[in-house]
Full PDB file with SEQRES, HELIX, SHEET, SSBOND, CRYST1, ORIGX, SCALE, CONECT and MASTER records, all heavy atoms in Angstrom:
SEQRES   1 A   31  ASN GLY LEU PRO ILE ASP ALA THR GLY ASN MET ASN ASP          
SEQRES   2 A   31  VAL GLU GLN ILE GLY GLU GLY VAL ASP ASN PRO TYR ASN          
SEQRES   3 A   31  THR ILE PRO GLU LEU                                          
SHEET    1 AA1 2 GLY A   9  ASN A  10  0                                        
SHEET    2 AA1 2 PRO A  24  TYR A  25 -1                                        
CRYST1    1.000    1.000    1.000  90.00  90.00  90.00 P 1           1          
ORIGX1      1.000000  0.000000  0.000000        0.00000                         
ORIGX2      0.000000  1.000000  0.000000        0.00000                         
ORIGX3      0.000000  0.000000  1.000000        0.00000                         
SCALE1      1.000000  0.000000  0.000000        0.00000                         
SCALE2      0.000000  1.000000  0.000000        0.00000                         
SCALE3      0.000000  0.000000  1.000000        0.00000                         
ATOM      1  N   ASN A   1     -43.506  63.970  38.807  1.00  0.00           N  
ATOM      2  CA  ASN A   1     -43.192  64.889  37.695  1.00  0.00           C  
ATOM      3  C   ASN A   1     -44.013  64.562  36.450  1.00  0.00           C  
ATOM      4  O   ASN A   1     -43.555  64.713  35.317  1.00  0.00           O  
ATOM      5  CB  ASN A   1     -41.698  64.811  37.353  1.00  0.00           C  
ATOM      6  CG  ASN A   1     -40.804  65.130  38.533  1.00  0.00           C  
ATOM      7  OD1 ASN A   1     -41.144  65.986  39.353  1.00  0.00           O  
ATOM      8  ND2 ASN A   1     -39.689  64.434  38.627  1.00  0.00           N  
ATOM      9  N   GLY A   2     -45.231  64.074  36.674  1.00  0.00           N  
ATOM     10  CA  GLY A   2     -46.101  63.730  35.558  1.00  0.00           C  
ATOM     11  C   GLY A   2     -45.773  62.402  34.906  1.00  0.00           C  
ATOM     12  O   GLY A   2     -46.408  62.012  33.938  1.00  0.00           O  
ATOM     13  N   LEU A   3     -44.774  61.705  35.437  1.00  0.00           N  
ATOM     14  CA  LEU A   3     -44.364  60.417  34.867  1.00  0.00           C  
ATOM     15  C   LEU A   3     -44.905  59.272  35.722  1.00  0.00           C  
ATOM     16  O   LEU A   3     -44.977  59.374  36.948  1.00  0.00           O  
ATOM     17  CB  LEU A   3     -42.834  60.338  34.826  1.00  0.00           C  
ATOM     18  CG  LEU A   3     -42.117  61.433  34.043  1.00  0.00           C  
ATOM     19  CD1 LEU A   3     -40.610  61.373  34.305  1.00  0.00           C  
ATOM     20  CD2 LEU A   3     -42.395  61.281  32.546  1.00  0.00           C  
ATOM     21  N   PRO A   4     -45.300  58.175  35.096  1.00  0.00           N  
ATOM     22  CA  PRO A   4     -45.796  57.028  35.873  1.00  0.00           C  
ATOM     23  C   PRO A   4     -44.686  56.430  36.729  1.00  0.00           C  
ATOM     24  O   PRO A   4     -43.518  56.409  36.332  1.00  0.00           O  
ATOM     25  CB  PRO A   4     -46.265  56.043  34.797  1.00  0.00           C  
ATOM     26  CG  PRO A   4     -45.496  56.424  33.567  1.00  0.00           C  
ATOM     27  CD  PRO A   4     -45.314  57.912  33.633  1.00  0.00           C  
ATOM     28  N   ILE A   5     -45.039  55.975  37.919  1.00  0.00           N  
ATOM     29  CA  ILE A   5     -44.057  55.423  38.853  1.00  0.00           C  
ATOM     30  C   ILE A   5     -43.948  53.911  38.685  1.00  0.00           C  
ATOM     31  O   ILE A   5     -44.948  53.204  38.679  1.00  0.00           O  
ATOM     32  CB  ILE A   5     -44.449  55.742  40.305  1.00  0.00           C  
ATOM     33  CG1 ILE A   5     -44.402  57.253  40.556  1.00  0.00           C  
ATOM     34  CG2 ILE A   5     -43.531  55.018  41.301  1.00  0.00           C  
ATOM     35  CD1 ILE A   5     -44.910  57.663  41.919  1.00  0.00           C  
ATOM     36  N   ASP A   6     -42.718  53.450  38.533  1.00  0.00           N  
ATOM     37  CA  ASP A   6     -42.437  52.014  38.520  1.00  0.00           C  
ATOM     38  C   ASP A   6     -42.087  51.610  39.951  1.00  0.00           C  
ATOM     39  O   ASP A   6     -41.014  51.921  40.442  1.00  0.00           O  
ATOM     40  CB  ASP A   6     -41.270  51.717  37.570  1.00  0.00           C  
ATOM     41  CG  ASP A   6     -40.868  50.247  37.575  1.00  0.00           C  
ATOM     42  OD1 ASP A   6     -41.540  49.452  38.263  1.00  0.00           O  
ATOM     43  OD2 ASP A   6     -39.872  49.900  36.913  1.00  0.00           O  
ATOM     44  N   ALA A   7     -43.017  50.934  40.623  1.00  0.00           N  
ATOM     45  CA  ALA A   7     -42.806  50.561  42.024  1.00  0.00           C  
ATOM     46  C   ALA A   7     -42.583  49.062  42.175  1.00  0.00           C  
ATOM     47  O   ALA A   7     -42.870  48.492  43.222  1.00  0.00           O  
ATOM     48  CB  ALA A   7     -43.992  51.002  42.872  1.00  0.00           C  
ATOM     49  N   THR A   8     -42.056  48.436  41.132  1.00  0.00           N  
ATOM     50  CA  THR A   8     -41.684  47.031  41.278  1.00  0.00           C  
ATOM     51  C   THR A   8     -40.396  46.956  42.089  1.00  0.00           C  
ATOM     52  O   THR A   8     -39.579  47.877  42.082  1.00  0.00           O  
ATOM     53  CB  THR A   8     -41.465  46.363  39.910  1.00  0.00           C  
ATOM     54  OG1 THR A   8     -40.457  47.098  39.189  1.00  0.00           O  
ATOM     55  CG2 THR A   8     -42.757  46.352  39.105  1.00  0.00           C  
ATOM     56  N   GLY A   9     -40.224  45.870  42.814  1.00  0.00           N  
ATOM     57  CA  GLY A   9     -39.046  45.735  43.657  1.00  0.00           C  
ATOM     58  C   GLY A   9     -38.477  44.337  43.606  1.00  0.00           C  
ATOM     59  O   GLY A   9     -39.011  43.448  42.945  1.00  0.00           O  
ATOM     60  N   ASN A  10     -37.367  44.153  44.305  1.00  0.00           N  
ATOM     61  CA  ASN A  10     -36.721  42.840  44.382  1.00  0.00           C  
ATOM     62  C   ASN A  10     -36.210  42.628  45.803  1.00  0.00           C  
ATOM     63  O   ASN A  10     -35.271  43.286  46.232  1.00  0.00           O  
ATOM     64  CB  ASN A  10     -35.568  42.750  43.381  1.00  0.00           C  
ATOM     65  CG  ASN A  10     -34.973  41.349  43.325  1.00  0.00           C  
ATOM     66  OD1 ASN A  10     -35.428  40.432  44.002  1.00  0.00           O  
ATOM     67  ND2 ASN A  10     -33.933  41.183  42.517  1.00  0.00           N  
ATOM     68  N   MET A  11     -36.872  41.716  46.522  1.00  0.00           N  
ATOM     69  CA  MET A  11     -36.438  41.382  47.875  1.00  0.00           C  
ATOM     70  C   MET A  11     -35.440  40.235  47.788  1.00  0.00           C  
ATOM     71  O   MET A  11     -35.653  39.131  48.285  1.00  0.00           O  
ATOM     72  CB  MET A  11     -37.657  41.006  48.727  1.00  0.00           C  
ATOM     73  CG  MET A  11     -37.378  40.781  50.215  1.00  0.00           C  
ATOM     74  SD  MET A  11     -36.729  42.209  51.099  1.00  0.00           S  
ATOM     75  CE  MET A  11     -34.969  41.867  51.142  1.00  0.00           C  
ATOM     76  N   ASN A  12     -34.326  40.526  47.091  1.00  0.00           N  
ATOM     77  CA  ASN A  12     -33.324  39.483  46.851  1.00  0.00           C  
ATOM     78  C   ASN A  12     -32.572  39.117  48.124  1.00  0.00           C  
ATOM     79  O   ASN A  12     -32.446  39.925  49.045  1.00  0.00           O  
ATOM     80  CB  ASN A  12     -32.342  39.928  45.754  1.00  0.00           C  
ATOM     81  CG  ASN A  12     -31.672  41.266  46.075  1.00  0.00           C  
ATOM     82  OD1 ASN A  12     -32.253  42.119  46.725  1.00  0.00           O  
ATOM     83  ND2 ASN A  12     -30.460  41.446  45.593  1.00  0.00           N  
ATOM     84  N   ASP A  13     -32.113  37.888  48.170  1.00  0.00           N  
ATOM     85  CA  ASP A  13     -31.297  37.390  49.291  1.00  0.00           C  
ATOM     86  C   ASP A  13     -31.961  37.655  50.638  1.00  0.00           C  
ATOM     87  O   ASP A  13     -31.314  38.120  51.586  1.00  0.00           O  
ATOM     88  CB  ASP A  13     -29.903  38.011  49.246  1.00  0.00           C  
ATOM     89  CG  ASP A  13     -29.079  37.490  48.071  1.00  0.00           C  
ATOM     90  OD1 ASP A  13     -29.653  36.775  47.219  1.00  0.00           O  
ATOM     91  OD2 ASP A  13     -27.879  37.779  48.004  1.00  0.00           O  
ATOM     92  N   VAL A  14     -33.233  37.345  50.718  1.00  0.00           N  
ATOM     93  CA  VAL A  14     -33.987  37.613  51.944  1.00  0.00           C  
ATOM     94  C   VAL A  14     -33.473  36.773  53.117  1.00  0.00           C  
ATOM     95  O   VAL A  14     -33.494  37.221  54.260  1.00  0.00           O  
ATOM     96  CB  VAL A  14     -35.501  37.383  51.721  1.00  0.00           C  
ATOM     97  CG1 VAL A  14     -35.798  35.919  51.424  1.00  0.00           C  
ATOM     98  CG2 VAL A  14     -36.313  37.851  52.930  1.00  0.00           C  
ATOM     99  N   GLU A  15     -32.970  35.582  52.827  1.00  0.00           N  
ATOM    100  CA  GLU A  15     -32.510  34.717  53.909  1.00  0.00           C  
ATOM    101  C   GLU A  15     -31.052  34.982  54.291  1.00  0.00           C  
ATOM    102  O   GLU A  15     -30.675  34.875  55.443  1.00  0.00           O  
ATOM    103  CB  GLU A  15     -32.686  33.238  53.536  1.00  0.00           C  
ATOM    104  CG  GLU A  15     -34.121  32.849  53.191  1.00  0.00           C  
ATOM    105  CD  GLU A  15     -35.109  33.086  54.323  1.00  0.00           C  
ATOM    106  OE1 GLU A  15     -34.689  33.278  55.479  1.00  0.00           O  
ATOM    107  OE2 GLU A  15     -36.324  33.096  54.051  1.00  0.00           O  
ATOM    108  N   GLN A  16     -30.246  35.335  53.295  1.00  0.00           N  
ATOM    109  CA  GLN A  16     -28.826  35.581  53.583  1.00  0.00           C  
ATOM    110  C   GLN A  16     -28.185  36.363  52.441  1.00  0.00           C  
ATOM    111  O   GLN A  16     -28.343  36.007  51.273  1.00  0.00           O  
ATOM    112  CB  GLN A  16     -28.090  34.244  53.767  1.00  0.00           C  
ATOM    113  CG  GLN A  16     -26.629  34.406  54.151  1.00  0.00           C  
ATOM    114  CD  GLN A  16     -25.952  33.062  54.377  1.00  0.00           C  
ATOM    115  OE1 GLN A  16     -26.613  32.037  54.494  1.00  0.00           O  
ATOM    116  NE2 GLN A  16     -24.629  33.067  54.425  1.00  0.00           N  
ATOM    117  N   ILE A  17     -27.482  37.432  52.777  1.00  0.00           N  
ATOM    118  CA  ILE A  17     -26.781  38.234  51.787  1.00  0.00           C  
ATOM    119  C   ILE A  17     -25.754  37.365  51.057  1.00  0.00           C  
ATOM    120  O   ILE A  17     -24.989  36.626  51.683  1.00  0.00           O  
ATOM    121  CB  ILE A  17     -26.054  39.427  52.450  1.00  0.00           C  
ATOM    122  CG1 ILE A  17     -27.074  40.439  52.976  1.00  0.00           C  
ATOM    123  CG2 ILE A  17     -25.091  40.092  51.480  1.00  0.00           C  
ATOM    124  CD1 ILE A  17     -27.819  41.193  51.906  1.00  0.00           C  
ATOM    125  N   GLY A  18     -25.771  37.453  49.741  1.00  0.00           N  
ATOM    126  CA  GLY A  18     -24.787  36.736  48.945  1.00  0.00           C  
ATOM    127  C   GLY A  18     -25.247  35.393  48.423  1.00  0.00           C  
ATOM    128  O   GLY A  18     -24.513  34.731  47.679  1.00  0.00           O  
ATOM    129  N   GLU A  19     -26.496  34.982  48.753  1.00  0.00           N  
ATOM    130  CA  GLU A  19     -26.954  33.675  48.286  1.00  0.00           C  
ATOM    131  C   GLU A  19     -27.434  33.709  46.842  1.00  0.00           C  
ATOM    132  O   GLU A  19     -27.602  32.669  46.204  1.00  0.00           O  
ATOM    133  CB  GLU A  19     -28.051  33.123  49.199  1.00  0.00           C  
ATOM    134  CG  GLU A  19     -29.342  33.925  49.182  1.00  0.00           C  
ATOM    135  CD  GLU A  19     -30.408  33.358  50.127  1.00  0.00           C  
ATOM    136  OE1 GLU A  19     -30.128  32.319  50.764  1.00  0.00           O  
ATOM    137  OE2 GLU A  19     -31.496  33.938  50.207  1.00  0.00           O  
ATOM    138  N   GLY A  20     -27.654  34.923  46.301  1.00  0.00           N  
ATOM    139  CA  GLY A  20     -27.990  35.061  44.885  1.00  0.00           C  
ATOM    140  C   GLY A  20     -29.391  34.629  44.515  1.00  0.00           C  
ATOM    141  O   GLY A  20     -29.628  34.142  43.401  1.00  0.00           O  
ATOM    142  N   VAL A  21     -30.356  34.836  45.404  1.00  0.00           N  
ATOM    143  CA  VAL A  21     -31.745  34.455  45.136  1.00  0.00           C  
ATOM    144  C   VAL A  21     -32.594  35.702  44.947  1.00  0.00           C  
ATOM    145  O   VAL A  21     -32.664  36.561  45.829  1.00  0.00           O  
ATOM    146  CB  VAL A  21     -32.318  33.607  46.284  1.00  0.00           C  
ATOM    147  CG1 VAL A  21     -33.792  33.292  46.040  1.00  0.00           C  
ATOM    148  CG2 VAL A  21     -31.517  32.325  46.450  1.00  0.00           C  
ATOM    149  N   ASP A  22     -33.249  35.818  43.777  1.00  0.00           N  
ATOM    150  CA  ASP A  22     -34.127  36.950  43.501  1.00  0.00           C  
ATOM    151  C   ASP A  22     -35.538  36.676  44.022  1.00  0.00           C  
ATOM    152  O   ASP A  22     -36.025  35.545  43.975  1.00  0.00           O  
ATOM    153  CB  ASP A  22     -34.197  37.226  42.004  1.00  0.00           C  
ATOM    154  CG  ASP A  22     -32.923  37.870  41.472  1.00  0.00           C  
ATOM    155  OD1 ASP A  22     -32.338  38.688  42.205  1.00  0.00           O  
ATOM    156  OD2 ASP A  22     -32.515  37.551  40.342  1.00  0.00           O  
ATOM    157  N   ASN A  23     -36.167  37.733  44.513  1.00  0.00           N  
ATOM    158  CA  ASN A  23     -37.572  37.665  44.935  1.00  0.00           C  
ATOM    159  C   ASN A  23     -38.292  38.913  44.434  1.00  0.00           C  
ATOM    160  O   ASN A  23     -38.560  39.839  45.197  1.00  0.00           O  
ATOM    161  CB  ASN A  23     -37.677  37.586  46.470  1.00  0.00           C  
ATOM    162  CG  ASN A  23     -37.405  36.204  47.015  1.00  0.00           C  
ATOM    163  OD1 ASN A  23     -38.183  35.282  46.788  1.00  0.00           O  
ATOM    164  ND2 ASN A  23     -36.301  36.058  47.718  1.00  0.00           N  
ATOM    165  N   PRO A  24     -38.600  38.955  43.129  1.00  0.00           N  
ATOM    166  CA  PRO A  24     -39.273  40.143  42.594  1.00  0.00           C  
ATOM    167  C   PRO A  24     -40.686  40.279  43.150  1.00  0.00           C  
ATOM    168  O   PRO A  24     -41.345  39.278  43.439  1.00  0.00           O  
ATOM    169  CB  PRO A  24     -39.289  39.878  41.087  1.00  0.00           C  
ATOM    170  CG  PRO A  24     -39.188  38.396  40.951  1.00  0.00           C  
ATOM    171  CD  PRO A  24     -38.363  37.932  42.103  1.00  0.00           C  
ATOM    172  N   TYR A  25     -41.124  41.517  43.301  1.00  0.00           N  
ATOM    173  CA  TYR A  25     -42.499  41.764  43.759  1.00  0.00           C  
ATOM    174  C   TYR A  25     -43.033  43.025  43.087  1.00  0.00           C  
ATOM    175  O   TYR A  25     -42.270  43.902  42.668  1.00  0.00           O  
ATOM    176  CB  TYR A  25     -42.559  41.876  45.285  1.00  0.00           C  
ATOM    177  CG  TYR A  25     -41.823  43.056  45.876  1.00  0.00           C  
ATOM    178  CD1 TYR A  25     -42.454  44.280  46.091  1.00  0.00           C  
ATOM    179  CD2 TYR A  25     -40.472  42.957  46.246  1.00  0.00           C  
ATOM    180  CE1 TYR A  25     -41.786  45.358  46.629  1.00  0.00           C  
ATOM    181  CE2 TYR A  25     -39.796  44.032  46.803  1.00  0.00           C  
ATOM    182  CZ  TYR A  25     -40.455  45.227  46.994  1.00  0.00           C  
ATOM    183  OH  TYR A  25     -39.784  46.307  47.528  1.00  0.00           O  
ATOM    184  N   ASN A  26     -44.348  43.107  42.998  1.00  0.00           N  
ATOM    185  CA  ASN A  26     -44.992  44.230  42.310  1.00  0.00           C  
ATOM    186  C   ASN A  26     -45.669  45.217  43.256  1.00  0.00           C  
ATOM    187  O   ASN A  26     -45.900  46.359  42.888  1.00  0.00           O  
ATOM    188  CB  ASN A  26     -46.037  43.711  41.313  1.00  0.00           C  
ATOM    189  CG  ASN A  26     -45.409  42.893  40.195  1.00  0.00           C  
ATOM    190  OD1 ASN A  26     -44.497  43.354  39.529  1.00  0.00           O  
ATOM    191  ND2 ASN A  26     -45.893  41.672  40.011  1.00  0.00           N  
ATOM    192  N   THR A  27     -46.028  44.758  44.440  1.00  0.00           N  
ATOM    193  CA  THR A  27     -46.741  45.613  45.397  1.00  0.00           C  
ATOM    194  C   THR A  27     -46.181  45.394  46.800  1.00  0.00           C  
ATOM    195  O   THR A  27     -45.518  44.398  47.071  1.00  0.00           O  
ATOM    196  CB  THR A  27     -48.244  45.287  45.422  1.00  0.00           C  
ATOM    197  OG1 THR A  27     -48.413  43.960  45.949  1.00  0.00           O  
ATOM    198  CG2 THR A  27     -48.858  45.376  44.027  1.00  0.00           C  
ATOM    199  N   ILE A  28     -46.488  46.330  47.699  1.00  0.00           N  
ATOM    200  CA  ILE A  28     -46.075  46.190  49.090  1.00  0.00           C  
ATOM    201  C   ILE A  28     -46.729  44.968  49.749  1.00  0.00           C  
ATOM    202  O   ILE A  28     -46.062  44.253  50.507  1.00  0.00           O  
ATOM    203  CB  ILE A  28     -46.359  47.484  49.879  1.00  0.00           C  
ATOM    204  CG1 ILE A  28     -45.430  48.613  49.394  1.00  0.00           C  
ATOM    205  CG2 ILE A  28     -46.183  47.263  51.377  1.00  0.00           C  
ATOM    206  CD1 ILE A  28     -43.944  48.298  49.517  1.00  0.00           C  
ATOM    207  N   PRO A  29     -48.008  44.678  49.493  1.00  0.00           N  
ATOM    208  CA  PRO A  29     -48.561  43.428  50.041  1.00  0.00           C  
ATOM    209  C   PRO A  29     -47.790  42.191  49.587  1.00  0.00           C  
ATOM    210  O   PRO A  29     -47.666  41.222  50.357  1.00  0.00           O  
ATOM    211  CB  PRO A  29     -50.005  43.422  49.514  1.00  0.00           C  
ATOM    212  CG  PRO A  29     -50.360  44.874  49.424  1.00  0.00           C  
ATOM    213  CD  PRO A  29     -49.091  45.528  48.931  1.00  0.00           C  
ATOM    214  N   GLU A  30     -47.249  42.194  48.363  1.00  0.00           N  
ATOM    215  CA  GLU A  30     -46.441  41.061  47.908  1.00  0.00           C  
ATOM    216  C   GLU A  30     -45.117  40.999  48.671  1.00  0.00           C  
ATOM    217  O   GLU A  30     -44.647  39.915  49.049  1.00  0.00           O  
ATOM    218  CB  GLU A  30     -46.184  41.156  46.401  1.00  0.00           C  
ATOM    219  CG  GLU A  30     -47.403  40.875  45.546  1.00  0.00           C  
ATOM    220  CD  GLU A  30     -47.106  40.978  44.063  1.00  0.00           C  
ATOM    221  OE1 GLU A  30     -45.913  40.933  43.676  1.00  0.00           O  
ATOM    222  OE2 GLU A  30     -48.056  41.116  43.276  1.00  0.00           O  
ATOM    223  N   LEU A  31     -44.505  42.150  48.923  1.00  0.00           N  
ATOM    224  CA  LEU A  31     -43.293  42.198  49.729  1.00  0.00           C  
ATOM    225  C   LEU A  31     -43.584  41.667  51.128  1.00  0.00           C  
ATOM    226  O   LEU A  31     -42.786  40.917  51.705  1.00  0.00           O  
ATOM    227  CB  LEU A  31     -42.758  43.628  49.815  1.00  0.00           C  
ATOM    228  CG  LEU A  31     -41.602  43.873  50.804  1.00  0.00           C  
ATOM    229  CD1 LEU A  31     -40.385  43.023  50.453  1.00  0.00           C  
ATOM    230  CD2 LEU A  31     -41.234  45.348  50.853  1.00  0.00           C  
TER     231      LEU A  31                                                      
MASTER        0    0    0    0    2    0    0    6  230    1    0    3          
END                                                                             
């Protein structure tokens, strides 16, 4: 819609749900 896309993400709790660990990433290769 003419607006820049914020495609940052957070692969939090990658090892186990509920462990409370953040894993921010900026690109799909980083994910």
